[in-house]
Amino acid sequence: MFFRVDPSSPTPLAEQIAGCVRRGLAEGLLQPGDRLPTGRELAGSLGVNMHTVLRAYAALRDEGLVELRRGRGATITGTRPGDRARLTEALRDLVAAARQAGLNADELVQLVRKEYV
């Protein structure tokens, strides 16, 4: 699994790390049962704080994408279909782009509703 972060990006580092996992799921690079690097290992390889990695893993756990077990690390659960993972990743990219363009949440929702109809 290839993790990459851009410290100059407006997207928080933890979200970038979680996005790497979501992309891996969406592209079929990660399968149920696959183990992710430990927080310490990944933090060291990316040059970020270990708590940043753990925040990313916690967000993925909350989304149902990984299971966290003390002493066993993070494991892909595979409970969410790939389409949903791709949509979640696209949505996060959309929100980041909207923020960069200066749109607030209500303006973004209005744009999405307009396109959805």
N, C-alpha and C. Protein backbone atom coordinates (compact mmCIF):
# COMPACT_ATOMS: atom_id res chain seq x y z
N MET A 1 0.86 -1.18 0.00
CA MET A 1 0.00 0.00 0.00
C MET A 1 0.89 1.22 0.00
N PHE A 2 0.59 2.12 -0.87
CA PHE A 2 1.40 3.32 -1.03
C PHE A 2 0.71 4.50 -0.36
N PHE A 3 1.34 5.06 0.67
CA PHE A 3 0.82 6.23 1.36
C PHE A 3 1.63 7.44 0.95
N ARG A 4 0.92 8.54 0.72
CA ARG A 4 1.59 9.78 0.38
C ARG A 4 0.79 10.94 0.96
N VAL A 5 1.48 11.92 1.53
CA VAL A 5 0.82 13.12 2.04
C VAL A 5 1.52 14.34 1.48
N ASP A 6 0.76 15.43 1.42
CA ASP A 6 1.28 16.71 0.95
C ASP A 6 1.10 17.73 2.07
N PRO A 7 2.16 18.05 2.81
CA PRO A 7 2.04 18.98 3.93
C PRO A 7 1.54 20.37 3.52
N SER A 8 1.70 20.75 2.25
CA SER A 8 1.25 22.08 1.81
C SER A 8 -0.22 22.10 1.41
N SER A 9 -0.86 20.94 1.39
CA SER A 9 -2.27 20.86 1.01
C SER A 9 -3.16 21.41 2.12
N PRO A 10 -4.29 22.03 1.75
CA PRO A 10 -5.23 22.49 2.78
C PRO A 10 -5.96 21.34 3.47
N THR A 11 -5.90 20.15 2.90
CA THR A 11 -6.53 18.98 3.50
C THR A 11 -5.67 18.51 4.67
N PRO A 12 -6.26 18.31 5.84
CA PRO A 12 -5.47 17.86 7.00
C PRO A 12 -4.74 16.54 6.70
N LEU A 13 -3.57 16.38 7.32
CA LEU A 13 -2.75 15.20 7.07
C LEU A 13 -3.49 13.91 7.40
N ALA A 14 -4.24 13.89 8.50
CA ALA A 14 -4.98 12.67 8.87
C ALA A 14 -5.99 12.31 7.77
N GLU A 15 -6.62 13.31 7.20
CA GLU A 15 -7.60 13.06 6.14
C GLU A 15 -6.90 12.55 4.88
N GLN A 16 -5.71 13.05 4.60
CA GLN A 16 -4.96 12.56 3.45
C GLN A 16 -4.59 11.09 3.63
N ILE A 17 -4.18 10.72 4.85
CA ILE A 17 -3.82 9.33 5.13
C ILE A 17 -5.05 8.43 4.98
N ALA A 18 -6.17 8.86 5.55
CA ALA A 18 -7.40 8.08 5.40
C ALA A 18 -7.79 7.97 3.93
N GLY A 19 -7.58 9.03 3.18
CA GLY A 19 -7.89 9.02 1.75
C GLY A 19 -7.07 7.99 0.99
N CYS A 20 -5.83 7.79 1.39
CA CYS A 20 -4.99 6.76 0.76
C CYS A 20 -5.61 5.38 0.94
N VAL A 21 -6.12 5.12 2.14
CA VAL A 21 -6.75 3.82 2.40
C VAL A 21 -8.04 3.70 1.60
N ARG A 22 -8.84 4.75 1.58
CA ARG A 22 -10.09 4.71 0.80
C ARG A 22 -9.80 4.45 -0.67
N ARG A 23 -8.78 5.11 -1.21
CA ARG A 23 -8.42 4.88 -2.61
C ARG A 23 -7.98 3.43 -2.82
N GLY A 24 -7.19 2.91 -1.88
CA GLY A 24 -6.76 1.52 -1.98
C GLY A 24 -7.93 0.56 -2.01
N LEU A 25 -8.96 0.85 -1.23
CA LEU A 25 -10.17 0.02 -1.23
C LEU A 25 -10.92 0.18 -2.54
N ALA A 26 -11.07 1.42 -2.97
CA ALA A 26 -11.84 1.69 -4.19
C ALA A 26 -11.18 1.07 -5.41
N GLU A 27 -9.86 1.04 -5.42
CA GLU A 27 -9.12 0.50 -6.57
C GLU A 27 -8.84 -0.99 -6.45
N GLY A 28 -9.28 -1.60 -5.34
CA GLY A 28 -9.08 -3.03 -5.17
C GLY A 28 -7.69 -3.42 -4.71
N LEU A 29 -6.88 -2.44 -4.30
CA LEU A 29 -5.53 -2.73 -3.81
C LEU A 29 -5.56 -3.29 -2.40
N LEU A 30 -6.61 -2.99 -1.66
CA LEU A 30 -6.79 -3.51 -0.31
C LEU A 30 -7.99 -4.43 -0.28
N GLN A 31 -7.84 -5.53 0.43
CA GLN A 31 -8.89 -6.54 0.53
C GLN A 31 -9.22 -6.80 1.99
N PRO A 32 -10.41 -7.33 2.28
CA PRO A 32 -10.73 -7.68 3.66
C PRO A 32 -9.66 -8.58 4.26
N GLY A 33 -9.27 -8.24 5.48
CA GLY A 33 -8.24 -9.01 6.17
C GLY A 33 -6.85 -8.44 6.03
N ASP A 34 -6.64 -7.53 5.07
CA ASP A 34 -5.32 -6.91 4.91
C ASP A 34 -5.02 -6.05 6.14
N ARG A 35 -3.77 -6.09 6.54
CA ARG A 35 -3.35 -5.28 7.68
C ARG A 35 -2.67 -4.01 7.18
N LEU A 36 -2.95 -2.92 7.88
CA LEU A 36 -2.30 -1.65 7.59
C LEU A 36 -1.05 -1.53 8.45
N PRO A 37 -0.11 -0.68 8.05
CA PRO A 37 1.08 -0.49 8.89
C PRO A 37 0.68 0.04 10.27
N THR A 38 1.49 -0.25 11.26
CA THR A 38 1.20 0.28 12.58
C THR A 38 1.30 1.80 12.53
N GLY A 39 0.66 2.45 13.49
CA GLY A 39 0.70 3.90 13.54
C GLY A 39 2.13 4.43 13.61
N ARG A 40 2.94 3.77 14.40
CA ARG A 40 4.33 4.20 14.56
C ARG A 40 5.11 4.04 13.24
N GLU A 41 4.93 2.90 12.57
CA GLU A 41 5.64 2.66 11.31
C GLU A 41 5.24 3.68 10.25
N LEU A 42 3.92 3.88 10.10
CA LEU A 42 3.45 4.79 9.06
C LEU A 42 3.86 6.22 9.37
N ALA A 43 3.76 6.62 10.62
CA ALA A 43 4.16 7.98 11.01
C ALA A 43 5.64 8.20 10.67
N GLY A 44 6.47 7.21 10.97
CA GLY A 44 7.90 7.32 10.68
C GLY A 44 8.18 7.43 9.20
N SER A 45 7.48 6.63 8.40
CA SER A 45 7.74 6.65 6.95
C SER A 45 7.22 7.93 6.28
N LEU A 46 6.16 8.52 6.85
CA LEU A 46 5.59 9.75 6.27
C LEU A 46 6.16 11.02 6.90
N GLY A 47 6.83 10.87 8.03
CA GLY A 47 7.37 12.05 8.71
C GLY A 47 6.29 12.88 9.39
N VAL A 48 5.27 12.19 9.91
CA VAL A 48 4.19 12.88 10.63
C VAL A 48 4.10 12.33 12.05
N ASN A 49 3.33 13.02 12.87
CA ASN A 49 3.12 12.59 14.25
C ASN A 49 2.30 11.31 14.27
N MET A 50 2.63 10.39 15.18
CA MET A 50 1.89 9.13 15.28
C MET A 50 0.40 9.37 15.56
N HIS A 51 0.08 10.41 16.31
CA HIS A 51 -1.32 10.69 16.62
C HIS A 51 -2.10 11.11 15.38
N THR A 52 -1.42 11.67 14.40
CA THR A 52 -2.06 12.00 13.13
C THR A 52 -2.51 10.73 12.43
N VAL A 53 -1.65 9.74 12.40
CA VAL A 53 -1.99 8.44 11.79
C VAL A 53 -3.14 7.79 12.56
N LEU A 54 -3.06 7.84 13.89
CA LEU A 54 -4.11 7.21 14.70
C LEU A 54 -5.46 7.91 14.49
N ARG A 55 -5.45 9.23 14.27
CA ARG A 55 -6.70 9.95 13.95
C ARG A 55 -7.27 9.45 12.63
N ALA A 56 -6.40 9.24 11.65
CA ALA A 56 -6.85 8.73 10.35
C ALA A 56 -7.45 7.34 10.52
N TYR A 57 -6.78 6.48 11.26
CA TYR A 57 -7.27 5.12 11.48
C TYR A 57 -8.59 5.14 12.24
N ALA A 58 -8.73 6.05 13.21
CA ALA A 58 -9.99 6.15 13.96
C ALA A 58 -11.13 6.58 13.05
N ALA A 59 -10.87 7.51 12.14
CA ALA A 59 -11.90 7.94 11.19
C ALA A 59 -12.32 6.78 10.30
N LEU A 60 -11.36 6.00 9.85
CA LEU A 60 -11.67 4.84 9.02
C LEU A 60 -12.46 3.80 9.80
N ARG A 61 -12.14 3.64 11.07
CA ARG A 61 -12.91 2.74 11.94
C ARG A 61 -14.34 3.23 12.06
N ASP A 62 -14.52 4.53 12.27
CA ASP A 62 -15.86 5.09 12.41
C ASP A 62 -16.68 4.93 11.13
N GLU A 63 -16.01 4.86 9.99
CA GLU A 63 -16.68 4.66 8.71
C GLU A 63 -16.93 3.18 8.43
N GLY A 64 -16.43 2.32 9.28
CA GLY A 64 -16.63 0.89 9.08
C GLY A 64 -15.66 0.25 8.10
N LEU A 65 -14.57 0.94 7.79
CA LEU A 65 -13.63 0.42 6.81
C LEU A 65 -12.52 -0.41 7.43
N VAL A 66 -12.16 -0.10 8.67
CA VAL A 66 -11.10 -0.86 9.34
C VAL A 66 -11.55 -1.23 10.74
N GLU A 67 -10.92 -2.26 11.26
CA GLU A 67 -11.13 -2.67 12.65
C GLU A 67 -9.81 -2.43 13.38
N LEU A 68 -9.90 -1.77 14.53
CA LEU A 68 -8.71 -1.49 15.32
C LEU A 68 -8.72 -2.38 16.55
N ARG A 69 -7.61 -3.06 16.77
CA ARG A 69 -7.46 -3.91 17.96
C ARG A 69 -6.12 -3.62 18.58
N ARG A 70 -6.14 -3.36 19.87
CA ARG A 70 -4.89 -3.09 20.59
C ARG A 70 -3.96 -4.30 20.44
N GLY A 71 -2.75 -4.00 20.02
CA GLY A 71 -1.76 -5.06 19.85
C GLY A 71 -1.83 -5.78 18.52
N ARG A 72 -2.92 -5.60 17.78
CA ARG A 72 -3.07 -6.26 16.47
C ARG A 72 -3.08 -5.27 15.33
N GLY A 73 -3.21 -3.99 15.65
CA GLY A 73 -3.19 -2.96 14.62
C GLY A 73 -4.51 -2.78 13.90
N ALA A 74 -4.43 -2.23 12.71
CA ALA A 74 -5.61 -1.93 11.90
C ALA A 74 -5.73 -2.95 10.78
N THR A 75 -6.94 -3.50 10.65
CA THR A 75 -7.22 -4.52 9.63
C THR A 75 -8.40 -4.07 8.79
N ILE A 76 -8.31 -4.25 7.49
CA ILE A 76 -9.41 -3.90 6.59
C ILE A 76 -10.57 -4.85 6.85
N THR A 77 -11.76 -4.28 7.06
CA THR A 77 -12.94 -5.11 7.33
C THR A 77 -13.65 -5.49 6.04
N GLY A 78 -13.63 -4.60 5.08
CA GLY A 78 -14.31 -4.89 3.83
C GLY A 78 -15.81 -4.88 3.93
N THR A 79 -16.35 -4.21 4.96
CA THR A 79 -17.79 -4.21 5.15
C THR A 79 -18.49 -3.19 4.27
N ARG A 80 -17.76 -2.30 3.67
CA ARG A 80 -18.37 -1.29 2.81
C ARG A 80 -18.02 -1.58 1.36
N PRO A 81 -19.00 -1.57 0.49
CA PRO A 81 -18.69 -1.85 -0.92
C PRO A 81 -17.77 -0.79 -1.52
N GLY A 82 -17.02 -1.19 -2.54
CA GLY A 82 -16.08 -0.29 -3.19
C GLY A 82 -16.70 0.97 -3.73
N ASP A 83 -17.92 0.86 -4.25
CA ASP A 83 -18.58 2.04 -4.79
C ASP A 83 -18.78 3.10 -3.72
N ARG A 84 -19.15 2.67 -2.53
CA ARG A 84 -19.37 3.61 -1.44
C ARG A 84 -18.05 4.25 -1.01
N ALA A 85 -16.98 3.47 -0.99
CA ALA A 85 -15.67 4.01 -0.64
C ALA A 85 -15.23 5.05 -1.67
N ARG A 86 -15.45 4.75 -2.96
CA ARG A 86 -15.11 5.72 -4.01
C ARG A 86 -15.92 7.00 -3.87
N LEU A 87 -17.20 6.84 -3.57
CA LEU A 87 -18.06 8.01 -3.39
C LEU A 87 -17.62 8.84 -2.19
N THR A 88 -17.27 8.19 -1.10
CA THR A 88 -16.80 8.90 0.09
C THR A 88 -15.53 9.67 -0.24
N GLU A 89 -14.62 9.06 -0.96
CA GLU A 89 -13.37 9.73 -1.33
C GLU A 89 -13.66 10.92 -2.25
N ALA A 90 -14.54 10.74 -3.23
CA ALA A 90 -14.88 11.84 -4.13
C ALA A 90 -15.54 12.98 -3.37
N LEU A 91 -16.38 12.64 -2.42
CA LEU A 91 -17.04 13.66 -1.62
C LEU A 91 -16.03 14.47 -0.81
N ARG A 92 -15.07 13.79 -0.24
CA ARG A 92 -14.03 14.50 0.53
C ARG A 92 -13.21 15.42 -0.37
N ASP A 93 -12.92 14.97 -1.59
CA ASP A 93 -12.22 15.82 -2.54
C ASP A 93 -13.07 17.03 -2.91
N LEU A 94 -14.38 16.80 -3.10
CA LEU A 94 -15.29 17.89 -3.44
C LEU A 94 -15.34 18.93 -2.33
N VAL A 95 -15.43 18.47 -1.10
CA VAL A 95 -15.48 19.39 0.05
C VAL A 95 -14.18 20.19 0.12
N ALA A 96 -13.05 19.55 -0.09
CA ALA A 96 -11.77 20.25 -0.06
C ALA A 96 -11.71 21.31 -1.16
N ALA A 97 -12.18 20.96 -2.35
CA ALA A 97 -12.20 21.92 -3.46
C ALA A 97 -13.14 23.08 -3.17
N ALA A 98 -14.29 22.78 -2.58
CA ALA A 98 -15.25 23.84 -2.24
C ALA A 98 -14.66 24.80 -1.21
N ARG A 99 -13.98 24.26 -0.22
CA ARG A 99 -13.34 25.12 0.78
C ARG A 99 -12.30 26.01 0.14
N GLN A 100 -11.52 25.43 -0.76
CA GLN A 100 -10.47 26.19 -1.43
C GLN A 100 -11.09 27.30 -2.29
N ALA A 101 -12.28 27.04 -2.84
CA ALA A 101 -12.96 28.04 -3.67
C ALA A 101 -13.72 29.06 -2.83
N GLY A 102 -13.73 28.87 -1.51
CA GLY A 102 -14.40 29.83 -0.64
C GLY A 102 -15.87 29.59 -0.43
N LEU A 103 -16.36 28.42 -0.80
CA LEU A 103 -17.78 28.11 -0.60
C LEU A 103 -18.01 27.61 0.82
N ASN A 104 -19.15 27.99 1.39
CA ASN A 104 -19.50 27.43 2.70
C ASN A 104 -20.35 26.17 2.47
N ALA A 105 -20.68 25.47 3.54
CA ALA A 105 -21.40 24.20 3.44
C ALA A 105 -22.75 24.37 2.76
N ASP A 106 -23.49 25.42 3.09
CA ASP A 106 -24.81 25.63 2.49
C ASP A 106 -24.70 25.85 0.98
N GLU A 107 -23.71 26.61 0.56
CA GLU A 107 -23.53 26.85 -0.88
C GLU A 107 -23.18 25.55 -1.61
N LEU A 108 -22.35 24.73 -0.99
CA LEU A 108 -21.99 23.45 -1.60
C LEU A 108 -23.21 22.54 -1.71
N VAL A 109 -24.01 22.48 -0.66
CA VAL A 109 -25.21 21.65 -0.68
C VAL A 109 -26.15 22.11 -1.78
N GLN A 110 -26.29 23.41 -1.95
CA GLN A 110 -27.16 23.94 -3.02
C GLN A 110 -26.65 23.50 -4.39
N LEU A 111 -25.33 23.56 -4.59
CA LEU A 111 -24.76 23.12 -5.87
C LEU A 111 -25.01 21.63 -6.11
N VAL A 112 -24.84 20.84 -5.07
CA VAL A 112 -25.07 19.39 -5.21
C VAL A 112 -26.52 19.12 -5.52
N ARG A 113 -27.43 19.77 -4.82
CA ARG A 113 -28.86 19.57 -5.08
C ARG A 113 -29.22 19.96 -6.51
N LYS A 114 -28.65 21.04 -6.98
CA LYS A 114 -28.92 21.49 -8.35
C LYS A 114 -28.47 20.45 -9.37
N GLU A 115 -27.30 19.84 -9.14
CA GLU A 115 -26.78 18.84 -10.05
C GLU A 115 -27.48 17.50 -9.93
N TYR A 116 -28.00 17.21 -8.74
CA TYR A 116 -28.62 15.90 -8.48
C TYR A 116 -29.97 15.75 -9.13
N VAL A 117 -30.63 16.84 -9.37
CA VAL A 117 -31.99 16.79 -9.93
C VAL A 117 -32.01 16.33 -11.35
